[in-house]
Amino acid sequence: MIKLKYILGLVVVIGLAILYYKYDPKMYDFFPECPFHKYTGLDCPGCGSQRAVHALLHGNILLALNYNSLLVISIPFLFIHLITKIISYLTQKDFIWKIWYNPITPKVIFVIVIVFWISRNIPCTPFDYLAA
């Protein structure tokens, strides 16, 4: 049963990757719009993520950083976490990246997201580089 969950997850990720590779979120209306940005005119921490994913899938890291730098910077950490989970599953040993399970980690991540959220909405240089 657990294998089915991973297979379905992989199928969904591959399907989304194909969708975001083929269709640019700037050009098509079927991608969801950020309600926070729509009603306030401000960027949330996730604003620009869809365009950043599209740019990353096309190998344009600088453009992706321009859309959402927090997303691009977090990808290597998420990739390392995924690799440790795969190694744990394949070896049947509990291989843990200890920083992930430190009690302070969620608090640090929360502070980073809040600081990014506030910073990207300050309308002056250098903060305007963070805006989506």
N, C-alpha and C. Protein backbone atom coordinates (compact mmCIF):
# COMPACT_ATOMS: atom_id res chain seq x y z
N MET A 1 0.82 -1.21 0.00
CA MET A 1 0.00 0.00 0.00
C MET A 1 0.86 1.26 0.00
N ILE A 2 1.97 1.22 0.75
CA ILE A 2 2.82 2.40 0.82
C ILE A 2 3.48 2.67 -0.54
N LYS A 3 3.78 1.61 -1.30
CA LYS A 3 4.36 1.79 -2.62
C LYS A 3 3.39 2.53 -3.53
N LEU A 4 2.11 2.21 -3.46
CA LEU A 4 1.09 2.86 -4.28
C LEU A 4 1.06 4.36 -4.01
N LYS A 5 1.19 4.74 -2.75
CA LYS A 5 1.19 6.15 -2.38
C LYS A 5 2.36 6.88 -3.04
N TYR A 6 3.54 6.27 -3.03
CA TYR A 6 4.71 6.90 -3.64
C TYR A 6 4.60 6.93 -5.16
N ILE A 7 4.06 5.89 -5.73
CA ILE A 7 3.89 5.85 -7.19
C ILE A 7 2.90 6.92 -7.64
N LEU A 8 1.78 7.05 -6.93
CA LEU A 8 0.80 8.08 -7.27
C LEU A 8 1.39 9.48 -7.08
N GLY A 9 2.16 9.67 -6.03
CA GLY A 9 2.82 10.96 -5.80
C GLY A 9 3.78 11.29 -6.93
N LEU A 10 4.54 10.29 -7.36
CA LEU A 10 5.48 10.49 -8.46
C LEU A 10 4.76 10.82 -9.76
N VAL A 11 3.64 10.15 -10.02
CA VAL A 11 2.85 10.44 -11.22
C VAL A 11 2.31 11.87 -11.19
N VAL A 12 1.84 12.31 -10.03
CA VAL A 12 1.33 13.69 -9.90
C VAL A 12 2.46 14.70 -10.12
N VAL A 13 3.62 14.46 -9.52
CA VAL A 13 4.75 15.38 -9.68
C VAL A 13 5.20 15.45 -11.13
N ILE A 14 5.29 14.31 -11.79
CA ILE A 14 5.69 14.29 -13.21
C ILE A 14 4.64 14.99 -14.06
N GLY A 15 3.36 14.75 -13.77
CA GLY A 15 2.29 15.42 -14.51
C GLY A 15 2.34 16.93 -14.35
N LEU A 16 2.56 17.39 -13.14
CA LEU A 16 2.67 18.84 -12.89
C LEU A 16 3.90 19.42 -13.57
N ALA A 17 5.00 18.67 -13.54
CA ALA A 17 6.23 19.15 -14.20
C ALA A 17 6.00 19.31 -15.70
N ILE A 18 5.30 18.35 -16.30
CA ILE A 18 4.99 18.45 -17.74
C ILE A 18 4.09 19.65 -18.00
N LEU A 19 3.07 19.83 -17.17
CA LEU A 19 2.15 20.96 -17.31
C LEU A 19 2.89 22.29 -17.22
N TYR A 20 3.73 22.43 -16.18
CA TYR A 20 4.46 23.68 -15.99
C TYR A 20 5.57 23.87 -17.02
N TYR A 21 6.05 22.79 -17.60
CA TYR A 21 7.05 22.93 -18.66
C TYR A 21 6.40 23.42 -19.95
N LYS A 22 5.25 22.86 -20.28
CA LYS A 22 4.61 23.18 -21.56
C LYS A 22 3.88 24.52 -21.56
N TYR A 23 3.32 24.90 -20.41
CA TYR A 23 2.48 26.10 -20.37
C TYR A 23 3.07 27.13 -19.42
N ASP A 24 3.28 28.32 -19.90
CA ASP A 24 3.81 29.42 -19.10
C ASP A 24 2.66 30.04 -18.29
N PRO A 25 2.75 30.05 -16.96
CA PRO A 25 1.67 30.61 -16.14
C PRO A 25 1.35 32.08 -16.44
N LYS A 26 2.30 32.82 -17.03
CA LYS A 26 2.02 34.22 -17.41
C LYS A 26 1.03 34.29 -18.57
N MET A 27 0.99 33.25 -19.39
CA MET A 27 0.23 33.29 -20.64
C MET A 27 -1.15 32.63 -20.56
N TYR A 28 -1.37 31.78 -19.57
CA TYR A 28 -2.61 30.99 -19.52
C TYR A 28 -3.39 31.29 -18.25
N ASP A 29 -4.71 31.38 -18.38
CA ASP A 29 -5.58 31.75 -17.27
C ASP A 29 -6.01 30.57 -16.39
N PHE A 30 -5.69 29.32 -16.79
CA PHE A 30 -6.16 28.19 -15.99
C PHE A 30 -5.29 27.93 -14.76
N PHE A 31 -4.17 28.64 -14.62
CA PHE A 31 -3.36 28.52 -13.40
C PHE A 31 -4.01 29.37 -12.31
N PRO A 32 -4.00 28.88 -11.06
CA PRO A 32 -4.63 29.65 -9.98
C PRO A 32 -3.93 30.97 -9.70
N GLU A 33 -4.73 31.97 -9.39
CA GLU A 33 -4.22 33.30 -9.07
C GLU A 33 -4.11 33.42 -7.55
N CYS A 34 -3.12 34.14 -7.09
CA CYS A 34 -2.94 34.34 -5.65
C CYS A 34 -4.04 35.26 -5.11
N PRO A 35 -4.89 34.77 -4.21
CA PRO A 35 -5.95 35.62 -3.67
C PRO A 35 -5.41 36.77 -2.82
N PHE A 36 -4.31 36.55 -2.12
CA PHE A 36 -3.72 37.61 -1.30
C PHE A 36 -3.29 38.78 -2.19
N HIS A 37 -2.60 38.47 -3.28
CA HIS A 37 -2.15 39.51 -4.21
C HIS A 37 -3.34 40.17 -4.92
N LYS A 38 -4.32 39.37 -5.25
CA LYS A 38 -5.49 39.88 -5.97
C LYS A 38 -6.24 40.93 -5.15
N TYR A 39 -6.38 40.70 -3.85
CA TYR A 39 -7.18 41.59 -3.02
C TYR A 39 -6.39 42.68 -2.30
N THR A 40 -5.07 42.48 -2.14
CA THR A 40 -4.29 43.48 -1.43
C THR A 40 -3.28 44.21 -2.32
N GLY A 41 -2.92 43.59 -3.43
CA GLY A 41 -1.89 44.16 -4.30
C GLY A 41 -0.48 43.90 -3.78
N LEU A 42 -0.37 43.18 -2.68
CA LEU A 42 0.94 42.84 -2.09
C LEU A 42 1.31 41.41 -2.46
N ASP A 43 2.60 41.12 -2.41
CA ASP A 43 3.08 39.77 -2.70
C ASP A 43 3.12 38.93 -1.43
N CYS A 44 2.64 37.71 -1.52
CA CYS A 44 2.78 36.77 -0.42
C CYS A 44 4.09 35.99 -0.62
N PRO A 45 4.50 35.15 0.33
CA PRO A 45 5.76 34.42 0.14
C PRO A 45 5.74 33.48 -1.07
N GLY A 46 4.56 33.08 -1.50
CA GLY A 46 4.46 32.15 -2.63
C GLY A 46 4.26 32.82 -3.98
N CYS A 47 4.02 34.12 -3.99
CA CYS A 47 3.79 34.81 -5.26
C CYS A 47 4.99 34.65 -6.19
N GLY A 48 4.72 34.30 -7.41
CA GLY A 48 5.76 34.10 -8.41
C GLY A 48 6.27 32.68 -8.46
N SER A 49 5.79 31.80 -7.58
CA SER A 49 6.28 30.42 -7.54
C SER A 49 5.97 29.65 -8.82
N GLN A 50 4.77 29.83 -9.35
CA GLN A 50 4.42 29.11 -10.58
C GLN A 50 5.31 29.53 -11.74
N ARG A 51 5.55 30.82 -11.86
CA ARG A 51 6.42 31.31 -12.93
C ARG A 51 7.86 30.87 -12.68
N ALA A 52 8.27 30.82 -11.41
CA ALA A 52 9.62 30.37 -11.07
C ALA A 52 9.81 28.89 -11.42
N VAL A 53 8.80 28.07 -11.16
CA VAL A 53 8.88 26.65 -11.52
C VAL A 53 9.00 26.50 -13.03
N HIS A 54 8.21 27.26 -13.78
CA HIS A 54 8.28 27.23 -15.24
C HIS A 54 9.69 27.61 -15.71
N ALA A 55 10.25 28.67 -15.13
CA ALA A 55 11.60 29.12 -15.52
C ALA A 55 12.65 28.07 -15.15
N LEU A 56 12.52 27.45 -13.98
CA LEU A 56 13.48 26.42 -13.57
C LEU A 56 13.43 25.22 -14.50
N LEU A 57 12.24 24.82 -14.89
CA LEU A 57 12.10 23.67 -15.79
C LEU A 57 12.71 23.95 -17.16
N HIS A 58 12.84 25.22 -17.49
CA HIS A 58 13.49 25.60 -18.75
C HIS A 58 14.95 25.97 -18.54
N GLY A 59 15.47 25.76 -17.32
CA GLY A 59 16.87 26.00 -17.03
C GLY A 59 17.26 27.44 -16.80
N ASN A 60 16.29 28.31 -16.63
CA ASN A 60 16.58 29.74 -16.43
C ASN A 60 16.53 30.08 -14.94
N ILE A 61 17.65 29.84 -14.27
CA ILE A 61 17.72 30.03 -12.82
C ILE A 61 17.61 31.51 -12.43
N LEU A 62 18.24 32.38 -13.20
CA LEU A 62 18.19 33.81 -12.86
C LEU A 62 16.77 34.36 -12.96
N LEU A 63 16.02 33.97 -13.97
CA LEU A 63 14.63 34.41 -14.09
C LEU A 63 13.80 33.84 -12.94
N ALA A 64 14.05 32.58 -12.59
CA ALA A 64 13.33 31.97 -11.46
C ALA A 64 13.63 32.71 -10.16
N LEU A 65 14.89 33.09 -9.95
CA LEU A 65 15.25 33.88 -8.77
C LEU A 65 14.52 35.21 -8.75
N ASN A 66 14.33 35.79 -9.92
CA ASN A 66 13.61 37.06 -10.02
C ASN A 66 12.14 36.90 -9.64
N TYR A 67 11.54 35.77 -9.96
CA TYR A 67 10.13 35.54 -9.64
C TYR A 67 9.92 35.22 -8.16
N ASN A 68 10.71 34.27 -7.63
CA ASN A 68 10.57 33.90 -6.21
C ASN A 68 11.88 33.29 -5.72
N SER A 69 12.72 34.13 -5.16
CA SER A 69 14.05 33.67 -4.72
C SER A 69 13.98 32.68 -3.57
N LEU A 70 13.00 32.82 -2.69
CA LEU A 70 12.88 31.90 -1.57
C LEU A 70 12.62 30.47 -2.06
N LEU A 71 11.78 30.33 -3.05
CA LEU A 71 11.50 29.01 -3.61
C LEU A 71 12.77 28.40 -4.20
N VAL A 72 13.48 29.18 -4.99
CA VAL A 72 14.69 28.67 -5.66
C VAL A 72 15.75 28.28 -4.64
N ILE A 73 15.92 29.09 -3.61
CA ILE A 73 16.93 28.81 -2.58
C ILE A 73 16.54 27.58 -1.75
N SER A 74 15.25 27.34 -1.57
CA SER A 74 14.82 26.20 -0.75
C SER A 74 14.89 24.86 -1.48
N ILE A 75 14.93 24.86 -2.79
CA ILE A 75 14.91 23.60 -3.55
C ILE A 75 16.08 22.68 -3.20
N PRO A 76 17.33 23.15 -3.10
CA PRO A 76 18.40 22.20 -2.72
C PRO A 76 18.16 21.54 -1.36
N PHE A 77 17.63 22.27 -0.40
CA PHE A 77 17.35 21.70 0.92
C PHE A 77 16.25 20.64 0.83
N LEU A 78 15.21 20.92 0.05
CA LEU A 78 14.14 19.93 -0.13
C LEU A 78 14.63 18.70 -0.88
N PHE A 79 15.52 18.91 -1.85
CA PHE A 79 16.09 17.80 -2.60
C PHE A 79 16.93 16.89 -1.69
N ILE A 80 17.75 17.49 -0.83
CA ILE A 80 18.56 16.71 0.11
C ILE A 80 17.65 15.91 1.05
N HIS A 81 16.58 16.54 1.51
CA HIS A 81 15.63 15.85 2.38
C HIS A 81 14.99 14.67 1.66
N LEU A 82 14.62 14.87 0.40
CA LEU A 82 14.03 13.79 -0.40
C LEU A 82 15.03 12.65 -0.57
N ILE A 83 16.27 12.96 -0.86
CA ILE A 83 17.30 11.93 -1.03
C ILE A 83 17.48 11.12 0.26
N THR A 84 17.51 11.80 1.41
CA THR A 84 17.66 11.06 2.67
C THR A 84 16.46 10.15 2.92
N LYS A 85 15.27 10.59 2.54
CA LYS A 85 14.08 9.74 2.69
C LYS A 85 14.15 8.52 1.77
N ILE A 86 14.61 8.73 0.55
CA ILE A 86 14.74 7.61 -0.40
C ILE A 86 15.79 6.62 0.10
N ILE A 87 16.92 7.12 0.57
CA ILE A 87 17.97 6.24 1.10
C ILE A 87 17.45 5.45 2.30
N SER A 88 16.71 6.10 3.19
CA SER A 88 16.12 5.41 4.34
C SER A 88 15.18 4.31 3.90
N TYR A 89 14.38 4.60 2.89
CA TYR A 89 13.41 3.62 2.40
C TYR A 89 14.12 2.43 1.76
N LEU A 90 15.12 2.70 0.93
CA LEU A 90 15.80 1.63 0.20
C LEU A 90 16.68 0.77 1.11
N THR A 91 17.32 1.38 2.09
CA THR A 91 18.22 0.63 2.97
C THR A 91 17.51 0.09 4.21
N GLN A 92 16.27 0.50 4.41
CA GLN A 92 15.51 0.11 5.61
C GLN A 92 16.22 0.54 6.90
N LYS A 93 17.02 1.61 6.79
CA LYS A 93 17.69 2.18 7.95
C LYS A 93 17.22 3.61 8.11
N ASP A 94 17.17 4.06 9.34
CA ASP A 94 16.70 5.41 9.62
C ASP A 94 17.82 6.42 9.38
N PHE A 95 17.92 6.91 8.16
CA PHE A 95 18.95 7.89 7.79
C PHE A 95 18.31 9.27 7.92
N ILE A 96 18.79 10.05 8.89
CA ILE A 96 18.15 11.33 9.21
C ILE A 96 19.14 12.47 9.02
N TRP A 97 18.67 13.50 8.35
CA TRP A 97 19.41 14.75 8.26
C TRP A 97 18.99 15.53 9.51
N LYS A 98 19.82 15.51 10.54
CA LYS A 98 19.44 15.96 11.88
C LYS A 98 18.92 17.38 11.96
N ILE A 99 19.38 18.26 11.07
CA ILE A 99 18.93 19.65 11.14
C ILE A 99 17.41 19.75 10.90
N TRP A 100 16.86 18.84 10.11
CA TRP A 100 15.42 18.87 9.83
C TRP A 100 14.60 18.61 11.08
N TYR A 101 15.13 17.77 11.97
CA TYR A 101 14.36 17.36 13.15
C TYR A 101 14.75 18.10 14.42
N ASN A 102 15.53 19.14 14.28
CA ASN A 102 15.87 20.00 15.41
C ASN A 102 14.64 20.84 15.76
N PRO A 103 14.30 20.97 17.03
CA PRO A 103 13.10 21.73 17.42
C PRO A 103 13.12 23.20 16.99
N ILE A 104 14.30 23.76 16.76
CA ILE A 104 14.39 25.16 16.37
C ILE A 104 14.14 25.36 14.86
N THR A 105 14.30 24.30 14.07
CA THR A 105 14.20 24.42 12.61
C THR A 105 12.87 25.02 12.13
N PRO A 106 11.72 24.54 12.59
CA PRO A 106 10.46 25.15 12.13
C PRO A 106 10.34 26.63 12.48
N LYS A 107 10.89 27.00 13.63
CA LYS A 107 10.84 28.41 14.04
C LYS A 107 11.71 29.27 13.13
N VAL A 108 12.89 28.77 12.79
CA VAL A 108 13.79 29.49 11.89
C VAL A 108 13.15 29.64 10.51
N ILE A 109 12.57 28.56 10.02
CA ILE A 109 11.90 28.61 8.71
C ILE A 109 10.75 29.61 8.74
N PHE A 110 9.97 29.61 9.81
CA PHE A 110 8.86 30.56 9.95
C PHE A 110 9.35 32.00 9.91
N VAL A 111 10.43 32.29 10.63
CA VAL A 111 10.99 33.64 10.65
C VAL A 111 11.50 34.03 9.27
N ILE A 112 12.17 33.11 8.59
CA ILE A 112 12.68 33.39 7.24
C ILE A 112 11.53 33.73 6.30
N VAL A 113 10.45 32.96 6.36
CA VAL A 113 9.30 33.20 5.48
C VAL A 113 8.66 34.55 5.79
N ILE A 114 8.49 34.88 7.06
CA ILE A 114 7.89 36.17 7.43
C ILE A 114 8.77 37.34 7.00
N VAL A 115 10.08 37.23 7.22
CA VAL A 115 11.00 38.30 6.82
C VAL A 115 10.98 38.46 5.30
N PHE A 116 10.96 37.34 4.57
CA PHE A 116 10.88 37.40 3.11
C PHE A 116 9.57 38.07 2.68
N TRP A 117 8.46 37.71 3.32
CA TRP A 117 7.15 38.26 3.00
C TRP A 117 7.14 39.78 3.18
N ILE A 118 7.65 40.23 4.30
CA ILE A 118 7.68 41.68 4.56
C ILE A 118 8.65 42.37 3.62
N SER A 119 9.84 41.81 3.45
CA SER A 119 10.88 42.44 2.63
C SER A 119 10.47 42.61 1.19
N ARG A 120 9.77 41.64 0.63
CA ARG A 120 9.42 41.73 -0.79
C ARG A 120 8.32 42.76 -1.06
N ASN A 121 7.74 43.30 -0.01
CA ASN A 121 6.71 44.32 -0.17
C ASN A 121 7.18 45.73 0.20
N ILE A 122 8.46 45.89 0.48
CA ILE A 122 9.03 47.21 0.74
C ILE A 122 9.41 47.82 -0.61
N PRO A 123 8.80 48.95 -0.97
CA PRO A 123 8.97 49.47 -2.33
C PRO A 123 10.21 50.35 -2.54
N CYS A 124 11.37 49.84 -2.17
CA CYS A 124 12.60 50.58 -2.44
C CYS A 124 13.75 49.59 -2.64
N THR A 125 14.80 50.08 -3.27
CA THR A 125 15.96 49.24 -3.52
C THR A 125 16.66 48.96 -2.20
N PRO A 126 17.10 47.77 -1.92
CA PRO A 126 17.21 46.57 -2.72
C PRO A 126 16.02 45.63 -2.59
N PHE A 127 15.03 46.01 -1.77
CA PHE A 127 13.91 45.11 -1.49
C PHE A 127 13.02 44.88 -2.71
N ASP A 128 12.94 45.85 -3.61
CA ASP A 128 12.07 45.68 -4.77
C ASP A 128 12.57 44.56 -5.70
N TYR A 129 13.81 44.12 -5.53
CA TYR A 129 14.30 42.98 -6.30
C TYR A 129 13.64 41.68 -5.86
N LEU A 130 13.08 41.66 -4.65
CA LEU A 130 12.42 40.47 -4.13
C LEU A 130 10.98 40.35 -4.60
N ALA A 131 10.40 41.42 -5.12
CA ALA A 131 9.00 41.40 -5.54
C ALA A 131 8.81 40.46 -6.72
N ALA A 132 7.64 39.84 -6.74
CA ALA A 132 7.31 38.94 -7.85
C ALA A 132 7.03 39.77 -9.03
